[in-house]
Amino acid sequence: MLVYWIPETVNTLPLNATHRVGIGAFVMSDEGKVLVVQEKSGKLRGSGVWKYPTGVVDEGEDICTAAIREVKEETGIDSEFVEVLAFRQSHKAFFEKSDLFFVCMMRPLSFDIEKQDHEIEAAQWMSFEEYAAQPFIQKNDMFKNIVEICLKKKGSGYYSGFSPVSTKSSFSNRESFLYLNKRDLNRTSNDNHP
């Protein structure tokens, strides 16, 4: 309303945020166990669906750091960021904003679960096959595609996502991350492609 009171000048008020950035942390052990949770609120509350830990990236937080933080907050598990497997963009989502959602492959560094009581109903390690076979996962295109990506990554290792590479901006001299496919970047033209 204050902007309408000063029509002769250019409005310099910053616009409201247009996007929300979220992460989904796909934490898989070497034995093929997946870290899954059931949430206390949201669309899946009380449905019995097991899903991977998810959350929103805080302002000024990198995607890789947010994934580690969310896993720790929801399950008590220490983890290491491996790569961004995929991302989704949707519009008119949370509070009518556009939504960027990054699916992150994580490696567990601990295994004893201490679930967060505020948001999480239950947390456990589950076989990848049991997770993938859930009817909700099989009926949801996004989750089904994520399962296919993780299966490819787990089985052959031929799927390569995007790993963070530390960069510094010449404008601000602040560290940030460029997410890229290191495996294919390091290949030469003589390498065999899968």
N, C-alpha and C. Protein backbone atom coordinates (compact mmCIF):
# COMPACT_ATOMS: atom_id res chain seq x y z
N MET A 1 0.82 -1.19 0.00
CA MET A 1 0.00 0.00 0.00
C MET A 1 0.86 1.26 0.00
N LEU A 2 1.99 1.21 0.70
CA LEU A 2 2.84 2.40 0.75
C LEU A 2 3.35 2.79 -0.63
N VAL A 3 3.53 1.81 -1.50
CA VAL A 3 4.01 2.10 -2.86
C VAL A 3 3.00 2.94 -3.61
N TYR A 4 1.72 2.68 -3.39
CA TYR A 4 0.68 3.44 -4.08
C TYR A 4 0.64 4.90 -3.62
N TRP A 5 1.19 5.19 -2.47
CA TRP A 5 1.17 6.56 -1.95
C TRP A 5 2.24 7.45 -2.59
N ILE A 6 3.19 6.86 -3.29
CA ILE A 6 4.26 7.65 -3.90
C ILE A 6 4.35 7.33 -5.40
N PRO A 7 3.31 7.63 -6.15
CA PRO A 7 3.28 7.23 -7.57
C PRO A 7 4.25 7.98 -8.47
N GLU A 8 4.78 9.11 -8.07
CA GLU A 8 5.67 9.88 -8.94
C GLU A 8 7.08 9.28 -9.00
N THR A 9 7.43 8.40 -8.07
CA THR A 9 8.78 7.85 -8.04
C THR A 9 8.77 6.38 -8.44
N VAL A 10 9.95 5.87 -8.76
CA VAL A 10 10.10 4.46 -9.12
C VAL A 10 10.04 3.63 -7.83
N ASN A 11 9.29 2.56 -7.89
CA ASN A 11 9.18 1.66 -6.74
C ASN A 11 10.49 0.89 -6.60
N THR A 12 11.18 1.03 -5.49
CA THR A 12 12.45 0.33 -5.26
C THR A 12 12.33 -0.78 -4.22
N LEU A 13 11.11 -1.10 -3.83
CA LEU A 13 10.93 -2.19 -2.87
C LEU A 13 11.25 -3.51 -3.55
N PRO A 14 11.98 -4.41 -2.86
CA PRO A 14 12.30 -5.70 -3.48
C PRO A 14 11.03 -6.54 -3.66
N LEU A 15 11.01 -7.31 -4.72
CA LEU A 15 9.88 -8.19 -4.96
C LEU A 15 9.87 -9.32 -3.95
N ASN A 16 8.71 -9.89 -3.74
CA ASN A 16 8.59 -11.06 -2.89
C ASN A 16 9.29 -12.23 -3.56
N ALA A 17 9.76 -13.19 -2.78
CA ALA A 17 10.44 -14.35 -3.34
C ALA A 17 9.54 -15.06 -4.35
N THR A 18 10.15 -15.51 -5.44
CA THR A 18 9.38 -16.18 -6.48
C THR A 18 9.55 -17.69 -6.45
N HIS A 19 10.61 -18.16 -5.79
CA HIS A 19 10.90 -19.59 -5.77
C HIS A 19 11.18 -20.07 -4.35
N ARG A 20 10.92 -21.33 -4.18
CA ARG A 20 11.32 -22.04 -2.97
C ARG A 20 12.23 -23.16 -3.43
N VAL A 21 13.31 -23.43 -2.70
CA VAL A 21 14.24 -24.49 -3.06
C VAL A 21 14.18 -25.57 -1.99
N GLY A 22 13.95 -26.80 -2.43
CA GLY A 22 13.88 -27.93 -1.52
C GLY A 22 14.84 -29.02 -1.93
N ILE A 23 15.09 -29.93 -0.99
CA ILE A 23 15.94 -31.09 -1.27
C ILE A 23 15.25 -32.36 -0.81
N GLY A 24 15.57 -33.43 -1.49
CA GLY A 24 15.21 -34.78 -1.07
C GLY A 24 16.51 -35.54 -0.95
N ALA A 25 16.76 -36.17 0.19
CA ALA A 25 18.04 -36.83 0.44
C ALA A 25 17.88 -38.34 0.34
N PHE A 26 18.42 -38.89 -0.74
CA PHE A 26 18.37 -40.32 -0.95
C PHE A 26 19.65 -40.92 -0.36
N VAL A 27 19.53 -41.43 0.89
CA VAL A 27 20.69 -41.95 1.63
C VAL A 27 20.69 -43.46 1.47
N MET A 28 21.72 -43.99 0.79
CA MET A 28 21.77 -45.43 0.55
C MET A 28 23.10 -45.99 1.05
N SER A 29 23.00 -47.08 1.82
CA SER A 29 24.20 -47.73 2.34
C SER A 29 24.81 -48.63 1.27
N ASP A 30 26.02 -49.10 1.51
CA ASP A 30 26.69 -50.01 0.58
C ASP A 30 25.93 -51.33 0.45
N GLU A 31 25.14 -51.67 1.47
CA GLU A 31 24.37 -52.91 1.45
C GLU A 31 23.03 -52.76 0.73
N GLY A 32 22.74 -51.56 0.21
CA GLY A 32 21.49 -51.34 -0.51
C GLY A 32 20.32 -50.98 0.37
N LYS A 33 20.59 -50.57 1.60
CA LYS A 33 19.53 -50.10 2.50
C LYS A 33 19.33 -48.60 2.30
N VAL A 34 18.08 -48.17 2.34
CA VAL A 34 17.72 -46.78 2.13
C VAL A 34 17.17 -46.21 3.43
N LEU A 35 17.56 -44.99 3.76
CA LEU A 35 17.04 -44.31 4.95
C LEU A 35 15.69 -43.69 4.59
N VAL A 36 14.65 -44.10 5.30
CA VAL A 36 13.29 -43.63 4.99
C VAL A 36 12.60 -43.11 6.24
N VAL A 37 11.63 -42.23 6.02
CA VAL A 37 10.86 -41.65 7.11
C VAL A 37 9.37 -41.64 6.78
N GLN A 38 8.57 -41.55 7.82
CA GLN A 38 7.14 -41.25 7.69
C GLN A 38 6.92 -39.94 8.43
N GLU A 39 6.23 -39.00 7.77
CA GLU A 39 6.06 -37.67 8.34
C GLU A 39 4.80 -37.57 9.19
N LYS A 40 4.86 -36.65 10.17
CA LYS A 40 3.72 -36.39 11.04
C LYS A 40 2.72 -35.42 10.43
N SER A 41 3.12 -34.66 9.42
CA SER A 41 2.22 -33.70 8.80
C SER A 41 2.38 -33.76 7.29
N GLY A 42 1.56 -33.00 6.59
CA GLY A 42 1.65 -32.98 5.13
C GLY A 42 0.72 -33.98 4.47
N LYS A 43 0.83 -34.06 3.17
CA LYS A 43 -0.08 -34.89 2.39
C LYS A 43 0.06 -36.38 2.67
N LEU A 44 1.24 -36.83 3.09
CA LEU A 44 1.46 -38.26 3.31
C LEU A 44 1.25 -38.69 4.76
N ARG A 45 0.86 -37.76 5.62
CA ARG A 45 0.64 -38.07 7.04
C ARG A 45 -0.40 -39.18 7.19
N GLY A 46 -0.06 -40.19 7.96
CA GLY A 46 -0.99 -41.27 8.26
C GLY A 46 -1.23 -42.24 7.11
N SER A 47 -0.50 -42.10 6.01
CA SER A 47 -0.72 -42.96 4.84
C SER A 47 0.09 -44.25 4.88
N GLY A 48 1.08 -44.32 5.78
CA GLY A 48 1.95 -45.49 5.82
C GLY A 48 3.05 -45.48 4.77
N VAL A 49 3.13 -44.39 3.99
CA VAL A 49 4.15 -44.29 2.95
C VAL A 49 5.50 -43.95 3.57
N TRP A 50 6.51 -44.69 3.16
CA TRP A 50 7.89 -44.39 3.54
C TRP A 50 8.52 -43.59 2.43
N LYS A 51 9.17 -42.48 2.78
CA LYS A 51 9.82 -41.63 1.79
C LYS A 51 11.20 -41.23 2.31
N TYR A 52 11.99 -40.65 1.45
CA TYR A 52 13.30 -40.21 1.88
C TYR A 52 13.18 -38.85 2.58
N PRO A 53 14.14 -38.49 3.43
CA PRO A 53 14.08 -37.20 4.12
C PRO A 53 14.08 -36.04 3.13
N THR A 54 13.26 -35.04 3.42
CA THR A 54 13.14 -33.86 2.56
C THR A 54 13.14 -32.61 3.42
N GLY A 55 13.36 -31.47 2.78
CA GLY A 55 13.31 -30.21 3.51
C GLY A 55 13.57 -29.03 2.61
N VAL A 56 13.55 -27.87 3.20
CA VAL A 56 13.72 -26.62 2.48
C VAL A 56 15.12 -26.07 2.75
N VAL A 57 15.75 -25.56 1.70
CA VAL A 57 17.07 -24.94 1.82
C VAL A 57 16.90 -23.59 2.49
N ASP A 58 17.68 -23.35 3.54
CA ASP A 58 17.63 -22.07 4.24
C ASP A 58 18.27 -20.97 3.40
N GLU A 59 17.88 -19.74 3.66
CA GLU A 59 18.48 -18.61 2.95
C GLU A 59 19.99 -18.60 3.18
N GLY A 60 20.76 -18.47 2.09
CA GLY A 60 22.21 -18.45 2.18
C GLY A 60 22.85 -19.81 2.36
N GLU A 61 22.08 -20.89 2.24
CA GLU A 61 22.59 -22.24 2.44
C GLU A 61 22.75 -22.94 1.09
N ASP A 62 23.84 -23.66 0.92
CA ASP A 62 24.06 -24.42 -0.31
C ASP A 62 23.22 -25.69 -0.29
N ILE A 63 22.89 -26.18 -1.47
CA ILE A 63 22.09 -27.40 -1.61
C ILE A 63 22.76 -28.57 -0.90
N CYS A 64 24.08 -28.73 -1.11
CA CYS A 64 24.78 -29.86 -0.50
C CYS A 64 24.77 -29.78 1.03
N THR A 65 24.88 -28.59 1.57
CA THR A 65 24.84 -28.40 3.02
C THR A 65 23.44 -28.65 3.57
N ALA A 66 22.43 -28.19 2.84
CA ALA A 66 21.04 -28.39 3.26
C ALA A 66 20.69 -29.87 3.33
N ALA A 67 21.15 -30.65 2.36
CA ALA A 67 20.86 -32.08 2.35
C ALA A 67 21.45 -32.77 3.58
N ILE A 68 22.70 -32.44 3.91
CA ILE A 68 23.35 -33.00 5.10
C ILE A 68 22.59 -32.60 6.36
N ARG A 69 22.21 -31.33 6.44
CA ARG A 69 21.50 -30.82 7.62
C ARG A 69 20.14 -31.50 7.79
N GLU A 70 19.37 -31.60 6.71
CA GLU A 70 18.02 -32.20 6.81
C GLU A 70 18.08 -33.66 7.23
N VAL A 71 19.03 -34.42 6.70
CA VAL A 71 19.17 -35.82 7.10
C VAL A 71 19.47 -35.90 8.60
N LYS A 72 20.38 -35.06 9.06
CA LYS A 72 20.75 -35.06 10.48
C LYS A 72 19.57 -34.64 11.36
N GLU A 73 18.87 -33.57 10.96
CA GLU A 73 17.74 -33.09 11.76
C GLU A 73 16.63 -34.12 11.87
N GLU A 74 16.28 -34.77 10.76
CA GLU A 74 15.13 -35.67 10.77
C GLU A 74 15.44 -37.05 11.33
N THR A 75 16.68 -37.52 11.16
CA THR A 75 16.98 -38.91 11.51
C THR A 75 18.15 -39.09 12.47
N GLY A 76 18.94 -38.05 12.69
CA GLY A 76 20.13 -38.18 13.52
C GLY A 76 21.30 -38.83 12.80
N ILE A 77 21.14 -39.14 11.53
CA ILE A 77 22.19 -39.81 10.76
C ILE A 77 23.15 -38.77 10.18
N ASP A 78 24.44 -39.00 10.38
CA ASP A 78 25.47 -38.19 9.73
C ASP A 78 25.63 -38.73 8.31
N SER A 79 25.73 -37.82 7.34
CA SER A 79 25.85 -38.26 5.96
C SER A 79 26.79 -37.36 5.19
N GLU A 80 27.18 -37.84 4.03
CA GLU A 80 28.07 -37.11 3.14
C GLU A 80 27.35 -36.91 1.81
N PHE A 81 27.41 -35.70 1.31
CA PHE A 81 26.79 -35.39 0.02
C PHE A 81 27.61 -36.02 -1.09
N VAL A 82 26.94 -36.73 -2.02
CA VAL A 82 27.63 -37.34 -3.15
C VAL A 82 27.38 -36.52 -4.40
N GLU A 83 26.10 -36.34 -4.77
CA GLU A 83 25.78 -35.59 -5.98
C GLU A 83 24.30 -35.30 -6.07
N VAL A 84 23.94 -34.34 -6.91
CA VAL A 84 22.55 -34.10 -7.27
C VAL A 84 22.22 -35.09 -8.37
N LEU A 85 21.23 -35.94 -8.13
CA LEU A 85 20.84 -36.94 -9.12
C LEU A 85 19.92 -36.36 -10.18
N ALA A 86 19.03 -35.48 -9.75
CA ALA A 86 18.04 -34.90 -10.66
C ALA A 86 17.41 -33.71 -9.94
N PHE A 87 16.67 -32.90 -10.69
CA PHE A 87 15.89 -31.86 -10.05
C PHE A 87 14.58 -31.65 -10.80
N ARG A 88 13.61 -31.12 -10.07
CA ARG A 88 12.28 -30.88 -10.63
C ARG A 88 11.93 -29.41 -10.42
N GLN A 89 11.28 -28.86 -11.42
CA GLN A 89 10.75 -27.50 -11.29
C GLN A 89 9.24 -27.60 -11.44
N SER A 90 8.51 -27.00 -10.53
CA SER A 90 7.05 -26.95 -10.64
C SER A 90 6.60 -25.53 -10.30
N HIS A 91 5.40 -25.20 -10.70
CA HIS A 91 4.89 -23.85 -10.50
C HIS A 91 3.57 -23.87 -9.75
N LYS A 92 3.25 -22.75 -9.12
CA LYS A 92 2.02 -22.62 -8.33
C LYS A 92 1.97 -23.71 -7.26
N ALA A 93 3.10 -23.91 -6.59
CA ALA A 93 3.19 -24.94 -5.56
C ALA A 93 2.98 -24.30 -4.19
N PHE A 94 3.97 -24.40 -3.35
CA PHE A 94 3.92 -23.92 -1.98
C PHE A 94 3.67 -22.42 -1.94
N PHE A 95 2.57 -21.97 -1.34
CA PHE A 95 2.17 -20.56 -1.29
C PHE A 95 2.17 -19.91 -2.67
N GLU A 96 1.75 -20.69 -3.68
CA GLU A 96 1.63 -20.21 -5.07
C GLU A 96 2.97 -19.82 -5.69
N LYS A 97 4.07 -20.28 -5.13
CA LYS A 97 5.41 -19.98 -5.64
C LYS A 97 5.89 -21.12 -6.52
N SER A 98 6.89 -20.81 -7.36
CA SER A 98 7.56 -21.86 -8.12
C SER A 98 8.45 -22.64 -7.16
N ASP A 99 8.66 -23.90 -7.47
CA ASP A 99 9.39 -24.79 -6.57
C ASP A 99 10.50 -25.49 -7.34
N LEU A 100 11.72 -25.40 -6.83
CA LEU A 100 12.85 -26.16 -7.35
C LEU A 100 13.18 -27.22 -6.31
N PHE A 101 13.18 -28.48 -6.72
CA PHE A 101 13.39 -29.59 -5.79
C PHE A 101 14.56 -30.43 -6.30
N PHE A 102 15.63 -30.55 -5.50
CA PHE A 102 16.82 -31.27 -5.88
C PHE A 102 16.89 -32.62 -5.17
N VAL A 103 17.01 -33.69 -5.94
CA VAL A 103 17.15 -35.03 -5.39
C VAL A 103 18.65 -35.29 -5.24
N CYS A 104 19.08 -35.49 -3.99
CA CYS A 104 20.49 -35.61 -3.67
C CYS A 104 20.85 -37.02 -3.23
N MET A 105 21.89 -37.59 -3.84
CA MET A 105 22.43 -38.88 -3.40
C MET A 105 23.36 -38.61 -2.23
N MET A 106 23.15 -39.36 -1.15
CA MET A 106 23.93 -39.18 0.07
C MET A 106 24.55 -40.51 0.48
N ARG A 107 25.69 -40.45 1.15
CA ARG A 107 26.35 -41.63 1.70
C ARG A 107 26.28 -41.53 3.22
N PRO A 108 25.78 -42.58 3.89
CA PRO A 108 25.70 -42.51 5.35
C PRO A 108 27.08 -42.63 6.00
N LEU A 109 27.27 -41.87 7.06
CA LEU A 109 28.49 -41.94 7.85
C LEU A 109 28.22 -42.54 9.22
N SER A 110 26.94 -42.65 9.58
CA SER A 110 26.52 -43.31 10.81
C SER A 110 25.23 -44.08 10.50
N PHE A 111 24.80 -44.95 11.42
CA PHE A 111 23.66 -45.80 11.10
C PHE A 111 22.60 -45.87 12.21
N ASP A 112 22.91 -45.35 13.38
CA ASP A 112 21.95 -45.40 14.49
C ASP A 112 20.98 -44.22 14.39
N ILE A 113 19.72 -44.54 14.17
CA ILE A 113 18.69 -43.52 13.95
C ILE A 113 18.21 -42.93 15.27
N GLU A 114 18.11 -41.61 15.30
CA GLU A 114 17.49 -40.87 16.39
C GLU A 114 16.53 -39.90 15.74
N LYS A 115 15.29 -40.34 15.53
CA LYS A 115 14.33 -39.53 14.77
C LYS A 115 13.94 -38.26 15.51
N GLN A 116 13.61 -37.26 14.71
CA GLN A 116 13.12 -35.99 15.24
C GLN A 116 11.64 -36.17 15.58
N ASP A 117 11.26 -35.91 16.81
CA ASP A 117 9.87 -36.15 17.22
C ASP A 117 8.89 -35.12 16.67
N HIS A 118 9.35 -33.91 16.41
CA HIS A 118 8.45 -32.84 15.99
C HIS A 118 7.85 -33.10 14.60
N GLU A 119 8.66 -33.52 13.62
CA GLU A 119 8.20 -33.68 12.24
C GLU A 119 8.03 -35.13 11.80
N ILE A 120 8.77 -36.05 12.44
CA ILE A 120 8.89 -37.41 11.93
C ILE A 120 8.15 -38.41 12.82
N GLU A 121 7.26 -39.16 12.19
CA GLU A 121 6.50 -40.21 12.89
C GLU A 121 7.36 -41.44 13.12
N ALA A 122 8.12 -41.83 12.09
CA ALA A 122 8.97 -43.02 12.18
C ALA A 122 10.12 -42.87 11.19
N ALA A 123 11.22 -43.56 11.49
CA ALA A 123 12.39 -43.57 10.60
C ALA A 123 13.03 -44.94 10.70
N GLN A 124 13.55 -45.42 9.58
CA GLN A 124 14.20 -46.74 9.58
C GLN A 124 15.06 -46.92 8.34
N TRP A 125 15.88 -47.97 8.38
CA TRP A 125 16.60 -48.41 7.20
C TRP A 125 15.75 -49.49 6.54
N MET A 126 15.58 -49.41 5.23
CA MET A 126 14.72 -50.32 4.50
C MET A 126 15.47 -50.78 3.24
N SER A 127 15.21 -51.99 2.81
CA SER A 127 15.85 -52.44 1.57
C SER A 127 15.35 -51.57 0.41
N PHE A 128 16.23 -51.31 -0.53
CA PHE A 128 15.88 -50.50 -1.69
C PHE A 128 14.68 -51.10 -2.41
N GLU A 129 14.66 -52.41 -2.54
CA GLU A 129 13.58 -53.10 -3.24
C GLU A 129 12.23 -52.90 -2.55
N GLU A 130 12.22 -52.97 -1.22
CA GLU A 130 10.98 -52.76 -0.46
C GLU A 130 10.49 -51.32 -0.62
N TYR A 131 11.42 -50.36 -0.57
CA TYR A 131 11.06 -48.96 -0.76
C TYR A 131 10.44 -48.77 -2.15
N ALA A 132 11.10 -49.29 -3.17
CA ALA A 132 10.67 -49.10 -4.55
C ALA A 132 9.33 -49.78 -4.85
N ALA A 133 9.00 -50.83 -4.13
CA ALA A 133 7.78 -51.60 -4.39
C ALA A 133 6.52 -50.98 -3.78
N GLN A 134 6.66 -49.94 -2.98
CA GLN A 134 5.48 -49.31 -2.37
C GLN A 134 4.52 -48.84 -3.47
N PRO A 135 3.22 -49.11 -3.33
CA PRO A 135 2.26 -48.69 -4.36
C PRO A 135 2.31 -47.19 -4.65
N PHE A 136 2.50 -46.36 -3.63
CA PHE A 136 2.58 -44.91 -3.85
C PHE A 136 3.74 -44.57 -4.78
N ILE A 137 4.88 -45.21 -4.57
CA ILE A 137 6.06 -44.95 -5.39
C ILE A 137 5.79 -45.39 -6.83
N GLN A 138 5.18 -46.55 -6.99
CA GLN A 138 4.92 -47.10 -8.32
C GLN A 138 3.89 -46.28 -9.10
N LYS A 139 2.99 -45.59 -8.40
CA LYS A 139 1.93 -44.81 -9.06
C LYS A 139 2.33 -43.35 -9.31
N ASN A 140 3.41 -42.89 -8.71
CA ASN A 140 3.83 -41.50 -8.81
C ASN A 140 5.00 -41.40 -9.79
N ASP A 141 4.81 -40.71 -10.91
CA ASP A 141 5.84 -40.64 -11.95
C ASP A 141 7.17 -40.12 -11.45
N MET A 142 7.14 -39.06 -10.64
CA MET A 142 8.39 -38.49 -10.17
C MET A 142 9.16 -39.50 -9.33
N PHE A 143 8.49 -40.11 -8.35
CA PHE A 143 9.17 -41.06 -7.47
C PHE A 143 9.61 -42.30 -8.24
N LYS A 144 8.82 -42.73 -9.20
CA LYS A 144 9.19 -43.88 -10.01
C LYS A 144 10.45 -43.58 -10.83
N ASN A 145 10.55 -42.38 -11.38
CA ASN A 145 11.75 -42.00 -12.12
C ASN A 145 12.97 -41.93 -11.20
N ILE A 146 12.77 -41.42 -10.00
CA ILE A 146 13.88 -41.34 -9.04
C ILE A 146 14.36 -42.75 -8.69
N VAL A 147 13.43 -43.68 -8.51
CA VAL A 147 13.80 -45.07 -8.23
C VAL A 147 14.63 -45.63 -9.39
N GLU A 148 14.22 -45.35 -10.62
CA GLU A 148 14.97 -45.84 -11.78
C GLU A 148 16.38 -45.25 -11.82
N ILE A 149 16.52 -43.97 -11.51
CA ILE A 149 17.84 -43.33 -11.47
C ILE A 149 18.71 -43.99 -10.40
N CYS A 150 18.15 -44.17 -9.21
CA CYS A 150 18.91 -44.75 -8.10
C CYS A 150 19.27 -46.21 -8.39
N LEU A 151 18.39 -46.93 -9.04
CA LEU A 151 18.67 -48.31 -9.41
C LEU A 151 19.82 -48.37 -10.40
N LYS A 152 19.83 -47.46 -11.36
CA LYS A 152 20.92 -47.38 -12.34
C LYS A 152 22.22 -47.03 -11.63
N LYS A 153 22.17 -46.08 -10.72
CA LYS A 153 23.35 -45.65 -9.97
C LYS A 153 23.87 -46.81 -9.10
N LYS A 154 22.95 -47.49 -8.43
CA LYS A 154 23.30 -48.58 -7.53
C LYS A 154 23.85 -49.78 -8.29
N GLY A 155 23.22 -50.12 -9.39
CA GLY A 155 23.59 -51.32 -10.12
C GLY A 155 24.86 -51.19 -10.93
N SER A 156 24.86 -50.32 -11.89
CA SER A 156 25.99 -50.23 -12.81
C SER A 156 26.91 -49.06 -12.53
N GLY A 157 26.40 -48.07 -11.84
CA GLY A 157 27.19 -46.86 -11.60
C GLY A 157 27.31 -45.99 -12.82
N TYR A 158 26.60 -46.32 -13.90
CA TYR A 158 26.72 -45.57 -15.15
C TYR A 158 25.99 -44.23 -15.12
N TYR A 159 25.04 -44.10 -14.22
CA TYR A 159 24.34 -42.81 -14.13
C TYR A 159 25.21 -41.87 -13.32
N SER A 160 25.45 -40.70 -13.84
CA SER A 160 26.27 -39.74 -13.12
C SER A 160 25.49 -38.44 -12.96
N GLY A 161 25.37 -38.01 -11.72
CA GLY A 161 24.66 -36.77 -11.43
C GLY A 161 25.63 -35.60 -11.41
N PHE A 162 25.32 -34.61 -10.59
CA PHE A 162 26.09 -33.37 -10.53
C PHE A 162 26.73 -33.20 -9.16
N SER A 163 28.05 -33.09 -9.15
CA SER A 163 28.81 -32.94 -7.91
C SER A 163 29.18 -31.47 -7.72
N PRO A 164 29.26 -31.02 -6.45
CA PRO A 164 29.62 -29.63 -6.22
C PRO A 164 31.12 -29.39 -6.41
N VAL A 165 31.43 -28.33 -7.11
CA VAL A 165 32.80 -27.89 -7.28
C VAL A 165 32.86 -26.47 -6.73
N SER A 166 33.76 -26.26 -5.78
CA SER A 166 33.88 -24.95 -5.14
C SER A 166 34.39 -23.92 -6.16
N THR A 167 33.72 -22.78 -6.19
CA THR A 167 34.12 -21.70 -7.09
C THR A 167 34.11 -20.39 -6.32
N LYS A 168 34.84 -19.42 -6.82
CA LYS A 168 34.82 -18.07 -6.24
C LYS A 168 34.42 -17.10 -7.31
N SER A 169 33.53 -16.23 -6.96
CA SER A 169 33.07 -15.21 -7.89
C SER A 169 34.09 -14.08 -7.96
N SER A 170 34.40 -13.63 -9.17
CA SER A 170 35.32 -12.50 -9.30
C SER A 170 34.66 -11.19 -8.86
N PHE A 171 33.33 -11.21 -8.76
CA PHE A 171 32.61 -10.01 -8.34
C PHE A 171 32.62 -9.84 -6.83
N SER A 172 32.37 -10.95 -6.10
CA SER A 172 32.23 -10.83 -4.65
C SER A 172 33.33 -11.54 -3.87
N ASN A 173 34.11 -12.38 -4.52
CA ASN A 173 35.14 -13.17 -3.88
C ASN A 173 34.58 -14.11 -2.81
N ARG A 174 33.31 -14.47 -2.96
CA ARG A 174 32.66 -15.42 -2.05
C ARG A 174 32.64 -16.80 -2.68
N GLU A 175 32.76 -17.82 -1.82
CA GLU A 175 32.70 -19.19 -2.31
C GLU A 175 31.25 -19.55 -2.65
N SER A 176 31.09 -20.28 -3.74
CA SER A 176 29.81 -20.86 -4.09
C SER A 176 30.11 -22.19 -4.78
N PHE A 177 29.08 -22.91 -5.15
CA PHE A 177 29.27 -24.21 -5.78
C PHE A 177 28.65 -24.23 -7.17
N LEU A 178 29.39 -24.80 -8.09
CA LEU A 178 28.90 -25.11 -9.42
C LEU A 178 28.70 -26.61 -9.42
N TYR A 179 27.49 -27.07 -9.71
CA TYR A 179 27.19 -28.50 -9.72
C TYR A 179 27.35 -29.01 -11.15
N LEU A 180 28.24 -30.00 -11.33
CA LEU A 180 28.50 -30.50 -12.67
C LEU A 180 28.76 -31.99 -12.67
N ASN A 181 28.75 -32.57 -13.85
CA ASN A 181 28.99 -34.00 -14.03
C ASN A 181 30.49 -34.20 -14.17
N LYS A 182 31.17 -34.48 -13.06
CA LYS A 182 32.63 -34.63 -13.05
C LYS A 182 33.09 -35.82 -13.88
N ARG A 183 32.34 -36.92 -13.81
CA ARG A 183 32.76 -38.14 -14.52
C ARG A 183 32.88 -37.89 -16.01
N ASP A 184 31.84 -37.32 -16.60
CA ASP A 184 31.87 -37.09 -18.03
C ASP A 184 32.80 -35.94 -18.40
N LEU A 185 32.97 -34.98 -17.51
CA LEU A 185 33.88 -33.87 -17.76
C LEU A 185 35.32 -34.36 -17.88
N ASN A 186 35.65 -35.37 -17.08
CA ASN A 186 37.02 -35.89 -17.06
C ASN A 186 37.29 -36.96 -18.13
N ARG A 187 36.28 -37.34 -18.89
CA ARG A 187 36.47 -38.34 -19.95
C ARG A 187 37.18 -37.71 -21.13
N THR A 188 37.94 -38.54 -21.81
CA THR A 188 38.56 -38.10 -23.05
C THR A 188 37.78 -38.71 -24.21
N SER A 189 38.03 -38.26 -25.39
CA SER A 189 37.30 -38.78 -26.57
C SER A 189 37.64 -40.23 -26.83
N ASN A 190 38.73 -40.75 -26.24
CA ASN A 190 39.10 -42.15 -26.42
C ASN A 190 38.44 -43.10 -25.43
N ASP A 191 37.80 -42.54 -24.38
CA ASP A 191 37.13 -43.36 -23.37
C ASP A 191 35.93 -44.05 -23.99
N ASN A 192 35.66 -45.25 -23.52
CA ASN A 192 34.45 -45.96 -23.94
C ASN A 192 33.26 -45.41 -23.19
N HIS A 193 32.20 -45.13 -23.90
CA HIS A 193 30.98 -44.64 -23.26
C HIS A 193 30.04 -45.79 -23.06
N PRO A 194 29.34 -45.85 -21.92
CA PRO A 194 28.41 -46.95 -21.65
C PRO A 194 27.24 -46.92 -22.61
